[in-house]
Amino acid sequence: MSIEADVARVLRIGPAASIAYSLDHIVVDKLQMEFVAKAIDSGDVAIKITNVGNLLGAAYSSYKGRRPEAGQKKLIGEIALPRVGVVNDPVGKAGIFHESVHALLDIKPTNISVDNGDEALAYIADALYLRATNTSIRSDPAGMAIYDAAFGIITKHKMLTTRGVALKWSDCDDLLDAINANPAYR
């Protein structure tokens, strides 16, 4: 199996297939993530093994507005992974799911009226994946503040047992505060 097939599989099976919620008008569920999986299958979202920095398990680069070089395929974006093996690790899979939410926003463009709202949407997905696999995470204090706020939303709204929870931006105040306080998102 190729790395692209392995990443698309993360979006199709296991916890990713059962995660379903919305934030404002943006839906994250199996149907929406299938758009990302298909974009990976077709090569419209590239997968690259490369250095993503010490703090990231994966990274997404949007190619929206980027002009391809002559003879180069126009991509929607690229998910960068530090190594092939992240597709076998629950933390790595949660990172793939997180970055795929960013890709979804390029594949199905939508307006987000809140600063770092895309990160809030992605961290909720990431935290749901981690909780669904009973996986704990370690990060620096600023990173843990983000995860703790996301886990708090999941617990408060019973998102592991209630499919299709409809969140409002006001439900994410603590999460957005934690994201905006993190130097990586300023």
Protein backbone atom coordinates (compact mmCIF):
# COMPACT_ATOMS: atom_id res chain seq x y z
CA MET A 1 0.00 0.00 0.00
CA SER A 2 1.22 3.52 -0.72
CA ILE A 3 1.50 6.26 1.90
CA GLU A 4 -1.36 8.05 0.14
CA ALA A 5 -3.60 4.99 0.47
CA ASP A 6 -2.58 4.61 4.13
CA VAL A 7 -3.46 8.25 4.91
CA ALA A 8 -6.79 8.04 3.06
CA ARG A 9 -7.54 4.86 5.02
CA VAL A 10 -7.08 6.74 8.31
CA LEU A 11 -9.97 8.98 7.20
CA ARG A 12 -12.23 6.08 6.21
CA ILE A 13 -12.04 3.59 9.08
CA GLY A 14 -11.81 3.40 12.84
CA PRO A 15 -12.56 6.47 14.93
CA ALA A 16 -12.50 8.84 11.96
CA ALA A 17 -15.51 7.06 10.45
CA SER A 18 -17.58 7.61 13.60
CA ILE A 19 -16.67 11.25 14.37
CA ALA A 20 -19.53 13.58 13.50
CA TYR A 21 -20.02 17.17 14.65
CA SER A 22 -20.47 20.66 13.32
CA LEU A 23 -19.16 24.03 14.36
CA ASP A 24 -21.27 26.90 13.16
CA HIS A 25 -22.13 25.79 9.59
CA ILE A 26 -19.08 23.55 9.06
CA VAL A 27 -19.64 19.80 9.28
CA VAL A 28 -16.93 17.25 10.07
CA ASP A 29 -18.13 13.71 9.53
CA LYS A 30 -17.47 10.59 7.47
CA LEU A 31 -19.14 12.03 4.36
CA GLN A 32 -17.11 15.26 4.46
CA MET A 33 -13.84 13.48 5.22
CA GLU A 34 -14.46 11.19 2.25
CA PHE A 35 -13.99 14.29 0.04
CA VAL A 36 -10.50 14.62 1.55
CA ALA A 37 -9.77 10.90 1.15
CA LYS A 38 -10.79 11.07 -2.52
CA ALA A 39 -8.63 14.17 -3.06
CA ILE A 40 -5.70 12.22 -1.60
CA ASP A 41 -6.53 9.20 -3.81
CA SER A 42 -6.58 11.40 -6.92
CA GLY A 43 -3.40 13.24 -5.98
CA ASP A 44 -5.16 16.60 -5.58
CA VAL A 45 -3.97 16.65 -1.95
CA ALA A 46 -0.38 15.45 -1.89
CA ILE A 47 1.22 13.46 0.92
CA LYS A 48 4.88 14.15 1.59
CA ILE A 49 7.32 12.63 4.06
CA THR A 50 9.44 15.48 5.38
CA ASN A 51 10.53 17.31 8.50
CA VAL A 52 7.50 19.00 10.11
CA GLY A 53 9.30 20.47 13.12
CA ASN A 54 9.58 19.24 16.67
CA LEU A 55 6.10 20.23 17.82
CA LEU A 56 4.04 18.80 14.97
CA GLY A 57 3.04 15.26 14.10
CA ALA A 58 1.80 16.45 10.71
CA ALA A 59 1.28 19.72 8.86
CA TYR A 60 -1.01 20.96 6.09
CA SER A 61 0.01 23.50 3.47
CA SER A 62 -2.75 25.06 1.43
CA TYR A 63 -1.91 25.60 -2.22
CA LYS A 64 -4.93 27.86 -2.70
CA GLY A 65 -3.85 30.75 -4.86
CA ARG A 66 -0.46 29.17 -5.61
CA ARG A 67 0.50 29.03 -9.26
CA PRO A 68 1.90 25.69 -10.35
CA GLU A 69 5.15 25.65 -12.24
CA ALA A 70 5.06 24.67 -15.91
CA GLY A 71 4.11 21.01 -16.26
CA GLN A 72 3.25 20.70 -12.58
CA LYS A 73 -0.19 19.49 -11.49
CA LYS A 74 -2.25 22.11 -9.66
CA LEU A 75 -2.73 20.78 -6.15
CA ILE A 76 -5.27 21.74 -3.50
CA GLY A 77 -2.65 21.30 -0.80
CA GLU A 78 -0.18 18.99 0.87
CA ILE A 79 -0.16 17.01 4.10
CA ALA A 80 3.38 16.63 5.40
CA LEU A 81 4.25 13.72 7.69
CA PRO A 82 7.52 13.23 9.57
CA ARG A 83 7.74 9.51 8.73
CA VAL A 84 5.72 6.75 7.09
CA GLY A 85 5.02 5.08 10.44
CA VAL A 86 2.72 7.84 11.72
CA VAL A 87 -0.15 6.04 9.98
CA ASN A 88 0.27 3.22 12.55
CA ASP A 89 0.33 5.42 15.66
CA PRO A 90 -2.85 6.77 17.32
CA VAL A 91 -1.25 10.19 17.95
CA GLY A 92 -0.04 10.26 14.34
CA LYS A 93 -3.49 9.29 13.06
CA ALA A 94 -5.08 12.04 15.19
CA GLY A 95 -2.60 14.48 13.61
CA ILE A 96 -3.52 13.26 10.14
CA PHE A 97 -7.20 13.74 10.98
CA HIS A 98 -6.47 17.26 12.31
CA GLU A 99 -4.62 18.27 9.14
CA SER A 100 -7.29 16.68 6.96
CA VAL A 101 -9.84 19.05 8.50
CA HIS A 102 -7.69 21.92 7.19
CA ALA A 103 -7.64 20.22 3.78
CA LEU A 104 -11.43 19.90 3.92
CA LEU A 105 -11.70 23.68 4.22
CA ASP A 106 -9.78 24.01 0.94
CA ILE A 107 -11.72 21.25 -0.81
CA LYS A 108 -15.09 22.65 0.28
CA PRO A 109 -14.31 26.33 0.85
CA THR A 110 -16.24 28.08 3.56
CA ASN A 111 -15.97 31.37 5.38
CA ILE A 112 -14.90 31.24 8.99
CA SER A 113 -15.67 34.46 10.81
CA VAL A 114 -13.48 33.74 13.86
CA ASP A 115 -9.69 34.17 14.08
CA ASN A 116 -8.10 30.71 14.22
CA GLY A 117 -11.54 29.13 13.87
CA ASP A 118 -10.04 26.59 11.49
CA GLU A 119 -7.68 25.52 14.28
CA ALA A 120 -10.57 25.18 16.74
CA LEU A 121 -12.40 22.97 14.25
CA ALA A 122 -9.27 20.86 13.69
CA TYR A 123 -8.32 20.55 17.37
CA ILE A 124 -11.80 19.30 18.23
CA ALA A 125 -11.40 16.61 15.54
CA ASP A 126 -7.91 15.77 16.80
CA ALA A 127 -9.08 15.54 20.43
CA LEU A 128 -12.10 13.40 19.46
CA TYR A 129 -9.78 10.98 17.67
CA LEU A 130 -7.48 10.81 20.70
CA ARG A 131 -10.37 10.24 23.12
CA ALA A 132 -11.96 7.63 20.85
CA THR A 133 -8.71 5.65 20.93
CA ASN A 134 -8.08 6.27 24.66
CA THR A 135 -4.78 7.89 23.72
CA SER A 136 -3.15 10.48 25.94
CA ILE A 137 -1.07 13.33 24.60
CA ARG A 138 1.92 15.23 25.95
CA SER A 139 2.80 18.74 24.92
CA ASP A 140 4.25 21.93 26.30
CA PRO A 141 1.95 23.95 28.62
CA ALA A 142 0.59 26.11 25.78
CA GLY A 143 -0.14 23.02 23.69
CA MET A 144 -1.75 21.20 26.61
CA ALA A 145 -3.99 24.22 27.24
CA ILE A 146 -5.36 23.77 23.72
CA TYR A 147 -5.95 20.03 24.16
CA ASP A 148 -7.45 20.50 27.64
CA ALA A 149 -9.92 23.03 26.24
CA ALA A 150 -10.82 20.72 23.33
CA PHE A 151 -11.25 17.76 25.71
CA GLY A 152 -13.48 19.99 27.85
CA ILE A 153 -15.78 20.68 24.89
CA ILE A 154 -15.96 16.96 24.10
CA THR A 155 -16.86 16.09 27.69
CA LYS A 156 -19.38 18.92 28.15
CA HIS A 157 -21.25 18.08 24.95
CA LYS A 158 -20.88 14.28 25.28
CA MET A 159 -19.39 14.19 21.80
CA LEU A 160 -18.07 10.63 22.12
CA THR A 161 -21.55 9.25 22.66
CA THR A 162 -23.68 11.77 20.75
CA ARG A 163 -23.18 11.93 17.00
CA GLY A 164 -23.75 15.16 15.15
CA VAL A 165 -23.34 17.59 18.03
CA ALA A 166 -23.89 21.12 16.71
CA LEU A 167 -21.42 23.49 18.36
CA LYS A 168 -21.54 27.27 18.27
CA TRP A 169 -18.50 29.55 18.36
CA SER A 170 -19.45 30.54 21.93
CA ASP A 171 -18.94 26.88 22.94
CA CYS A 172 -15.31 27.28 21.87
CA ASP A 173 -14.34 30.44 23.79
CA ASP A 174 -11.81 28.64 26.03
CA LEU A 175 -10.39 26.70 23.08
CA LEU A 176 -10.02 29.83 20.96
CA ASP A 177 -8.40 31.66 23.90
CA ALA A 178 -5.89 28.81 24.31
CA ILE A 179 -5.13 28.75 20.57
CA ASN A 180 -4.73 32.52 20.39
CA ALA A 181 -2.48 32.50 23.48
CA ASN A 182 -0.14 29.96 21.88
CA PRO A 183 2.81 31.70 20.17
CA ALA A 184 2.54 29.27 17.24
CA TYR A 185 -0.85 30.76 16.27
CA ARG A 186 -0.16 34.47 16.65
